[in-house]
C-alpha atoms as a PDB file:
ATOM      1  CA  MET A   1       8.352   9.804  -1.220  1.00  0.00           C
ATOM      2  CA  THR A   2       8.352  11.077  -4.932  1.00  0.00           C
ATOM      3  CA  ALA A   3      12.003  13.052  -5.430  1.00  0.00           C
ATOM      4  CA  THR A   4      14.394  10.645  -6.539  1.00  0.00           C
ATOM      5  CA  VAL A   5      17.135   9.727  -3.436  1.00  0.00           C
ATOM      6  CA  GLN A   6      20.455   8.966  -3.938  1.00  0.00           C
ATOM      7  CA  SER A   7      21.556   6.512  -1.095  1.00  0.00           C
ATOM      8  CA  GLU A   8      24.145   3.548  -0.802  1.00  0.00           C
ATOM      9  CA  PRO A   9      23.729   0.527  -1.927  1.00  0.00           C
ATOM     10  CA  TRP A  10      22.415  -1.754   0.602  1.00  0.00           C
ATOM     11  CA  CYS A  11      25.038  -3.641   2.226  1.00  0.00           C
ATOM     12  CA  PRO A  12      23.669  -6.721   4.431  1.00  0.00           C
ATOM     13  CA  ASN A  13      27.397  -6.205   6.630  1.00  0.00           C
ATOM     14  CA  ALA A  14      27.041  -2.598   6.867  1.00  0.00           C
ATOM     15  CA  ASN A  15      27.099  -1.419  10.690  1.00  0.00           C
ATOM     16  CA  ILE A  16      23.533  -0.009  10.796  1.00  0.00           C
ATOM     17  CA  ASP A  17      20.360  -0.742  13.462  1.00  0.00           C
ATOM     18  CA  ARG A  18      17.656  -2.652  11.156  1.00  0.00           C
ATOM     19  CA  TRP A  19      14.097  -1.935  11.081  1.00  0.00           C
ATOM     20  CA  LEU A  20      12.970  -5.486  10.569  1.00  0.00           C
ATOM     21  CA  LEU A  21       9.142  -4.715   9.419  1.00  0.00           C
ATOM     22  CA  VAL A  22       9.573  -0.738   8.403  1.00  0.00           C
ATOM     23  CA  SER A  23       7.905  -1.453   5.033  1.00  0.00           C
ATOM     24  CA  THR A  24       4.748  -2.346   6.696  1.00  0.00           C
ATOM     25  CA  TYR A  25       3.771   1.000   6.189  1.00  0.00           C
ATOM     26  CA  CYS A  26       5.708   2.173   3.182  1.00  0.00           C
ATOM     27  CA  ASP A  27       4.658   2.750  -0.386  1.00  0.00           C
ATOM     28  CA  ARG A  28       7.368  -0.035  -1.482  1.00  0.00           C
ATOM     29  CA  TRP A  29       8.881   2.329  -4.055  1.00  0.00           C
ATOM     30  CA  CYS A  30      12.798   1.053  -2.645  1.00  0.00           C
ATOM     31  CA  GLU A  31      14.214   3.098  -5.573  1.00  0.00           C
ATOM     32  CA  ARG A  32      12.759   6.588  -4.026  1.00  0.00           C
ATOM     33  CA  CYS A  33      13.623   5.787  -0.581  1.00  0.00           C
ATOM     34  CA  GLY A  34      15.874   8.101   1.299  1.00  0.00           C
ATOM     35  CA  HIS A  35      15.713   4.938   4.173  1.00  0.00           C
ATOM     36  CA  ARG A  36      16.802   2.450   1.841  1.00  0.00           C
ATOM     37  CA  THR A  37      19.504   1.399   3.512  1.00  0.00           C
ATOM     38  CA  ARG A  38      18.443   0.955   6.930  1.00  0.00           C
ATOM     39  CA  CYS A  39      15.329  -1.389   5.765  1.00  0.00           C
ATOM     40  CA  LEU A  40      15.579  -5.118   5.406  1.00  0.00           C
ATOM     41  CA  MET A  41      12.953  -5.769   2.764  1.00  0.00           C
ATOM     42  CA  ALA A  42      14.642  -3.413   0.289  1.00  0.00           C
ATOM     43  CA  GLY A  43      17.745  -5.122   0.745  1.00  0.00           C
ATOM     44  CA  MET A  44      16.373  -8.895   0.008  1.00  0.00           C
ATOM     45  CA  GLU A  45      16.639 -10.331  -3.809  1.00  0.00           C
ATOM     46  CA  PRO A  46      12.931 -11.005  -5.394  1.00  0.00           C
ATOM     47  CA  GLU A  47      13.595 -14.608  -4.924  1.00  0.00           C
ATOM     48  CA  GLN A  48      13.606 -14.316  -1.552  1.00  0.00           C
ATOM     49  CA  LEU A  49      10.460 -12.411  -1.383  1.00  0.00           C
ATOM     50  CA  PHE A  50       8.281 -15.094  -3.571  1.00  0.00           C
ATOM     51  CA  SER A  51       9.197 -18.437  -4.672  1.00  0.00           C
ATOM     52  CA  LEU A  52       8.003 -19.360  -8.546  1.00  0.00           C
ATOM     53  CA  ASP A  53       8.729 -22.730  -7.998  1.00  0.00           C
ATOM     54  CA  GLU A  54       5.809 -24.954  -8.970  1.00  0.00           C
ATOM     55  CA  GLU A  55       4.303 -27.201  -6.263  1.00  0.00           C
ATOM     56  CA  PRO A  56       2.906 -30.321  -6.410  1.00  0.00           C
ATOM     57  CA  GLU A  57      -0.731 -30.706  -6.166  1.00  0.00           C
ATOM     58  CA  SER A  58      -1.768 -31.030  -2.923  1.00  0.00           C
ATOM     59  CA  THR A  59      -3.768 -34.202  -1.125  1.00  0.00           C
ATOM     60  CA  GLU A  60      -6.436 -33.189   0.761  1.00  0.00           C
ATOM     61  CA  GLU A  61      -4.877 -34.340   4.176  1.00  0.00           C
ATOM     62  CA  GLU A  62      -2.537 -32.141   3.014  1.00  0.00           C
ATOM     63  CA  LEU A  63      -4.599 -29.039   2.504  1.00  0.00           C
ATOM     64  CA  GLU A  64      -6.540 -29.686   5.983  1.00  0.00           C
ATOM     65  CA  ALA A  65      -3.224 -29.218   7.668  1.00  0.00           C
ATOM     66  CA  GLU A  66      -2.521 -25.950   5.689  1.00  0.00           C
ATOM     67  CA  GLY A  67      -5.809 -24.594   7.166  1.00  0.00           C
ATOM     68  CA  ALA A  68      -4.605 -25.398  10.721  1.00  0.00           C
ATOM     69  CA  ARG A  69      -1.883 -24.058  10.212  1.00  0.00           C
ATOM     70  CA  ILE A  70      -2.753 -20.278   8.679  1.00  0.00           C
ATOM     71  CA  ALA A  71      -5.714 -20.278  11.476  1.00  0.00           C
ATOM     72  CA  GLU A  72      -2.913 -20.605  13.985  1.00  0.00           C
ATOM     73  CA  ALA A  73      -0.823 -18.598  11.994  1.00  0.00           C
ATOM     74  CA  VAL A  74      -3.436 -15.701  11.959  1.00  0.00           C
ATOM     75  CA  ARG A  75      -4.164 -16.040  15.699  1.00  0.00           C
ATOM     76  CA  GLU A  76      -0.685 -15.907  16.579  1.00  0.00           C
ATOM     77  CA  ALA A  77       0.110 -12.659  14.183  1.00  0.00           C
ATOM     78  CA  LEU A  78      -3.576 -11.012  16.378  1.00  0.00           C
ATOM     79  CA  GLU A  79      -2.397 -12.191  19.678  1.00  0.00           C
ATOM     80  CA  ALA A  80       1.020 -10.275  18.618  1.00  0.00           C
ATOM     81  CA  GLU A  81      -0.922  -7.399  18.163  1.00  0.00           C
ATOM     82  CA  GLY A  82      -2.567  -7.134  20.763  1.00  0.00           C
ATOM     83  CA  PHE A  83      -6.052  -8.062  19.402  1.00  0.00           C
ATOM     84  CA  PRO A  84      -8.195 -10.025  22.346  1.00  0.00           C
ATOM     85  CA  VAL A  85      -9.207 -13.045  20.424  1.00  0.00           C
ATOM     86  CA  ALA A  86      -8.569 -16.477  21.881  1.00  0.00           C
ATOM     87  CA  GLU A  87      -9.791 -18.257  18.342  1.00  0.00           C
ATOM     88  CA  VAL A  88     -10.015 -17.527  15.129  1.00  0.00           C
ATOM     89  CA  GLU A  89     -11.308 -19.352  12.160  1.00  0.00           C
ATOM     90  CA  ALA A  90      -9.567 -19.380   9.065  1.00  0.00           C
ATOM     91  CA  GLU A  91     -11.642 -17.823   6.664  1.00  0.00           C
ATOM     92  CA  PRO A  92     -11.550 -16.537   3.240  1.00  0.00           C
ATOM     93  CA  LEU A  93     -10.569 -12.494   3.250  1.00  0.00           C
ATOM     94  CA  PRO A  94     -13.570 -10.923   1.829  1.00  0.00           C
ATOM     95  CA  ALA A  95     -13.457  -8.861  -1.976  1.00  0.00           C
ATOM     96  CA  MET A  96     -14.593  -5.734  -0.509  1.00  0.00           C
ATOM     97  CA  ASP A  97     -16.258  -5.169  -3.852  1.00  0.00           C
ATOM     98  CA  ASP A  98     -19.641  -3.055  -1.983  1.00  0.00           C
ATOM     99  CA  ASP A  99     -17.373  -1.151  -0.165  1.00  0.00           C
ATOM    100  CA  PRO A 100     -18.132   2.571  -1.865  1.00  0.00           C
ATOM    101  CA  LEU A 101     -14.327   3.332  -0.902  1.00  0.00           C
ATOM    102  CA  MET A 102     -12.825   0.765  -2.528  1.00  0.00           C
ATOM    103  CA  ALA A 103     -15.257   1.333  -5.638  1.00  0.00           C
ATOM    104  CA  LEU A 104     -13.977   4.735  -6.039  1.00  0.00           C
ATOM    105  CA  ALA A 105     -10.391   3.382  -5.448  1.00  0.00           C
ATOM    106  CA  ARG A 106     -11.328   1.066  -8.659  1.00  0.00           C
ATOM    107  CA  ASP A 107     -12.779   2.969 -10.510  1.00  0.00           C
ATOM    108  CA  TRP A 108      -9.253   5.435 -10.504  1.00  0.00           C
ATOM    109  CA  TRP A 109      -7.641   3.257 -10.333  1.00  0.00           C
ATOM    110  CA  GLU A 110      -9.057   1.999 -13.913  1.00  0.00           C
ATOM    111  CA  ILE A 111      -9.270   5.908 -15.543  1.00  0.00           C
ATOM    112  CA  SER A 112      -5.706   6.489 -14.201  1.00  0.00           C
ATOM    113  CA  GLN A 113      -4.281   3.475 -16.303  1.00  0.00           C
ATOM    114  CA  ALA A 114      -6.382   4.010 -19.401  1.00  0.00           C
ATOM    115  CA  TRP A 115      -5.406   7.624 -19.468  1.00  0.00           C
ATOM    116  CA  LEU A 116      -1.943   6.596 -19.294  1.00  0.00           C
ATOM    117  CA  ALA A 117      -1.981   3.773 -21.772  1.00  0.00           C
ATOM    118  CA  SER A 118      -3.399   6.584 -24.421  1.00  0.00           C
ATOM    119  CA  LEU A 119      -0.013   8.936 -23.563  1.00  0.00           C
ATOM    120  CA  PRO A 120       2.587   8.929 -26.293  1.00  0.00           C
ATOM    121  CA  GLU A 121       5.921   6.888 -25.909  1.00  0.00           C
ATOM    122  CA  ALA A 122       7.599  10.141 -26.194  1.00  0.00           C
ATOM    123  CA  ARG A 123       6.252  11.443 -22.666  1.00  0.00           C
ATOM    124  CA  LEU A 124       7.978   8.900 -20.790  1.00  0.00           C
ATOM    125  CA  ARG A 125      11.076  10.880 -20.983  1.00  0.00           C
ATOM    126  CA  GLY A 126      10.068  14.232 -21.522  1.00  0.00           C
ATOM    127  CA  GLU A 127       8.242  17.246 -19.700  1.00  0.00           C
ATOM    128  CA  SER A 128       5.547  14.478 -18.014  1.00  0.00           C
ATOM    129  CA  ARG A 129       8.035  11.667 -17.268  1.00  0.00           C
ATOM    130  CA  GLU A 130       7.354  12.376 -12.831  1.00  0.00           C
ATOM    131  CA  LEU A 131       3.863  12.418 -13.568  1.00  0.00           C
ATOM    132  CA  VAL A 132       3.969   9.157 -15.763  1.00  0.00           C
ATOM    133  CA  GLU A 133       6.074   7.749 -13.196  1.00  0.00           C
ATOM    134  CA  VAL A 134       4.286   8.970 -10.047  1.00  0.00           C
ATOM    135  CA  LEU A 135       0.970   7.949 -11.412  1.00  0.00           C
ATOM    136  CA  SER A 136       1.631   4.612 -12.455  1.00  0.00           C
ATOM    137  CA  TRP A 137       2.765   3.748  -9.342  1.00  0.00           C
ATOM    138  CA  TYR A 138       0.536   5.292  -6.827  1.00  0.00           C
ATOM    139  CA  SER A 139      -2.160   4.170  -8.968  1.00  0.00           C
ATOM    140  CA  SER A 140      -1.820   0.912  -8.726  1.00  0.00           C
ATOM    141  CA  LEU A 141      -0.676   0.832  -4.677  1.00  0.00           C
ATOM    142  CA  VAL A 142      -3.150   2.979  -3.147  1.00  0.00           C
ATOM    143  CA  PRO A 143      -6.180   0.842  -4.015  1.00  0.00           C
ATOM    144  CA  ASN A 144      -4.245  -1.990  -2.544  1.00  0.00           C
ATOM    145  CA  LYS A 145      -3.469  -0.239   0.900  1.00  0.00           C
ATOM    146  CA  LEU A 146      -6.974   0.761   1.448  1.00  0.00           C
ATOM    147  CA  TYR A 147      -8.271  -2.731   0.501  1.00  0.00           C
ATOM    148  CA  ARG A 148      -5.383  -3.956   3.562  1.00  0.00           C
ATOM    149  CA  ALA A 149      -7.174  -1.157   5.553  1.00  0.00           C
ATOM    150  CA  LEU A 150     -10.358  -1.538   4.992  1.00  0.00           C
ATOM    151  CA  ILE A 151     -10.013  -5.584   5.957  1.00  0.00           C
ATOM    152  CA  ALA A 152      -7.700  -4.446   9.252  1.00  0.00           C
ATOM    153  CA  GLU A 153     -11.113  -1.920   9.794  1.00  0.00           C
ATOM    154  CA  LEU A 154     -13.315  -5.534   9.759  1.00  0.00           C
ATOM    155  CA  PHE A 155     -11.113  -7.109  11.894  1.00  0.00           C
ATOM    156  CA  GLU A 156     -11.344  -5.073  14.293  1.00  0.00           C
ATOM    157  CA  GLU A 157     -15.101  -4.454  14.238  1.00  0.00           C
ATOM    158  CA  ARG A 158     -15.027  -8.333  14.933  1.00  0.00           C
ATOM    159  CA  TYR A 159     -12.034  -8.581  17.588  1.00  0.00           C
ATOM    160  CA  GLY A 160     -11.324  -4.989  19.272  1.00  0.00           C
ATOM    161  CA  PRO A 161      -8.335  -2.823  18.375  1.00  0.00           C
ATOM    162  CA  PRO A 162      -5.077  -3.043  18.930  1.00  0.00           C
ATOM    163  CA  LEU A 163      -3.515  -2.290  22.369  1.00  0.00           C
ATOM    164  CA  ASP A 164      -1.154  -1.240  20.815  1.00  0.00           C
ATOM    165  CA  PRO A 165      -1.229   1.703  18.366  1.00  0.00           C
ATOM    166  CA  HIS A 166       1.965   1.127  16.776  1.00  0.00           C
ATOM    167  CA  THR A 167      -0.082  -2.093  15.546  1.00  0.00           C
ATOM    168  CA  ARG A 168      -3.410  -0.377  13.930  1.00  0.00           C
ATOM    169  CA  ASP A 169      -3.429  -1.444  10.450  1.00  0.00           C
ATOM    170  CA  ALA A 170      -6.614   0.397   9.121  1.00  0.00           C
ATOM    171  CA  GLN A 171      -4.990   3.788  10.298  1.00  0.00           C
ATOM    172  CA  GLY A 172      -1.649   2.853   9.039  1.00  0.00           C
ATOM    173  CA  SER A 173      -2.755   1.136   5.700  1.00  0.00           C
ATOM    174  CA  ALA A 174      -4.979   4.544   5.300  1.00  0.00           C
ATOM    175  CA  LYS A 175      -2.253   6.422   6.158  1.00  0.00           C
ATOM    176  CA  VAL A 176       0.258   5.910   2.939  1.00  0.00           C
ATOM    177  CA  ALA A 177      -2.436   5.996   0.891  1.00  0.00           C
ATOM    178  CA  ALA A 178      -3.280   9.667   1.626  1.00  0.00           C
ATOM    179  CA  LEU A 179      -0.149  10.474   1.176  1.00  0.00           C
ATOM    180  CA  GLY A 180      -0.127   8.289  -2.734  1.00  0.00           C
ATOM    181  CA  LEU A 181      -2.838  10.589  -3.524  1.00  0.00           C
ATOM    182  CA  TYR A 182      -1.089  13.730  -2.577  1.00  0.00           C
ATOM    183  CA  ALA A 183       2.124  12.771  -3.851  1.00  0.00           C
ATOM    184  CA  CYS A 184      -0.457  12.387  -7.541  1.00  0.00           C
ATOM    185  CA  ILE A 185      -2.695  15.114  -6.640  1.00  0.00           C
ATOM    186  CA  GLY A 186       0.475  17.817  -6.783  1.00  0.00           C
ATOM    187  CA  THR A 187       1.959  16.161  -9.856  1.00  0.00           C
ATOM    188  CA  LEU A 188      -1.567  16.380 -11.862  1.00  0.00           C
ATOM    189  CA  SER A 189      -2.151  20.092 -10.834  1.00  0.00           C
ATOM    190  CA  GLY A 190       0.802  20.721 -11.942  1.00  0.00           C
ATOM    191  CA  TRP A 191       0.703  19.183 -15.074  1.00  0.00           C
ATOM    192  CA  CYS A 192      -2.996  20.890 -15.522  1.00  0.00           C
ATOM    193  CA  LYS A 193      -1.795  24.405 -14.453  1.00  0.00           C
ATOM    194  CA  GLY A 194       0.294  23.793 -17.912  1.00  0.00           C
ATOM    195  CA  HIS A 195      -2.448  21.929 -20.236  1.00  0.00           C
ATOM    196  CA  ARG A 196      -5.498  23.312 -19.043  1.00  0.00           C
ATOM    197  CA  LEU A 197      -6.982  21.500 -22.318  1.00  0.00           C
ATOM    198  CA  ASP A 198      -6.361  18.405 -21.048  1.00  0.00           C
ATOM    199  CA  GLY A 199      -9.898  17.191 -20.003  1.00  0.00           C
ATOM    200  CA  ASN A 200      -8.533  13.659 -18.986  1.00  0.00           C
ATOM    201  CA  ALA A 201      -5.697  14.323 -16.539  1.00  0.00           C
ATOM    202  CA  MET A 202      -8.817  17.267 -15.048  1.00  0.00           C
ATOM    203  CA  GLU A 203     -11.240  14.410 -14.482  1.00  0.00           C
ATOM    204  CA  ILE A 204      -8.702  12.265 -12.865  1.00  0.00           C
ATOM    205  CA  LEU A 205      -6.973  15.057 -10.536  1.00  0.00           C
ATOM    206  CA  MET A 206     -10.465  16.039  -9.393  1.00  0.00           C
ATOM    207  CA  THR A 207     -11.363  11.606  -9.141  1.00  0.00           C
ATOM    208  CA  THR A 208      -7.933  11.666  -6.962  1.00  0.00           C
ATOM    209  CA  CYS A 209      -9.106  14.348  -4.702  1.00  0.00           C
ATOM    210  CA  GLY A 210     -12.085  12.869  -4.054  1.00  0.00           C
ATOM    211  CA  LEU A 211     -10.867  10.001  -3.111  1.00  0.00           C
ATOM    212  CA  LEU A 212      -8.861  11.873  -0.482  1.00  0.00           C
ATOM    213  CA  GLU A 213     -11.634  12.814   0.788  1.00  0.00           C
ATOM    214  CA  LYS A 214     -13.157   9.615   1.319  1.00  0.00           C
ATOM    215  CA  VAL A 215     -10.155   8.327   2.793  1.00  0.00           C
ATOM    216  CA  GLN A 216     -10.416  11.594   5.179  1.00  0.00           C
ATOM    217  CA  ARG A 217     -13.701  10.316   6.230  1.00  0.00           C
ATOM    218  CA  ARG A 218     -13.402   6.944   6.579  1.00  0.00           C
ATOM    219  CA  PHE A 219     -10.230   6.867   8.259  1.00  0.00           C
ATOM    220  CA  PRO A 220     -10.719  10.367  10.194  1.00  0.00           C
ATOM    221  CA  ASP A 221      -7.272   9.868  12.228  1.00  0.00           C
ATOM    222  CA  HIS A 222      -5.279   8.431  10.080  1.00  0.00           C
ATOM    223  CA  MET A 223      -2.770  10.978   9.993  1.00  0.00           C
ATOM    224  CA  GLU A 224      -1.960  10.292  13.272  1.00  0.00           C
ATOM    225  CA  PHE A 225      -0.616   7.312  13.257  1.00  0.00           C
ATOM    226  CA  VAL A 226       3.160   6.849  14.015  1.00  0.00           C
ATOM    227  CA  ARG A 227       4.312   4.851  11.235  1.00  0.00           C
ATOM    228  CA  PRO A 228       7.512   2.536  12.937  1.00  0.00           C
ATOM    229  CA  GLY A 229      11.051   4.451  11.302  1.00  0.00           C
ATOM    230  CA  PHE A 230       9.027   6.717   9.368  1.00  0.00           C
ATOM    231  CA  ASP A 231       7.481   9.281  12.111  1.00  0.00           C
ATOM    232  CA  GLU A 232       9.125   8.604  14.657  1.00  0.00           C
END
């Protein structure tokens, strides 16, 4: 979703069949999404999504109760998605720092952000505006989606794949990451054709292509995933 989309304002009272979880496998760029008026997530105010209120320090009993609540919520979520598990331990999610795919994604984010920070402010309004906007957005989004895909892959290894193919989060998240990389490759390729001496842009383009290739190898069936609301 890289083309700017003109859409009607989100109206809670509109007679539209809403998609509840369409945002699970989207790129969250609501301003450019043609499905904005159908998505419940796009219509929610920021304060509804994130609570900024400071909470008082919890007691040990409250922390234990919260841990039990989280464990139960995880069990219910896995069972709802078809994972054949009876008991799930509430454990911190791994950082995945040693995974080569995550390491490359992190390196790609760093060089992309460093290059964008070095660009003159005037380019944000000039010919490179599209490149700056696309690379800024996806260089932050893609590593997060890949982390989610790797976590889902780990869950499938532990508990088996979900019975419902629509909830294979490893493939769905990898697909969103891949689509973001395709968008970056398209804008970077156009830029490099017109700026053949821009070595930094060429390095980022080659790194982006390499990252996409690793995603394709790690999740070979990711493009077969049918995203609810988008690909159906």
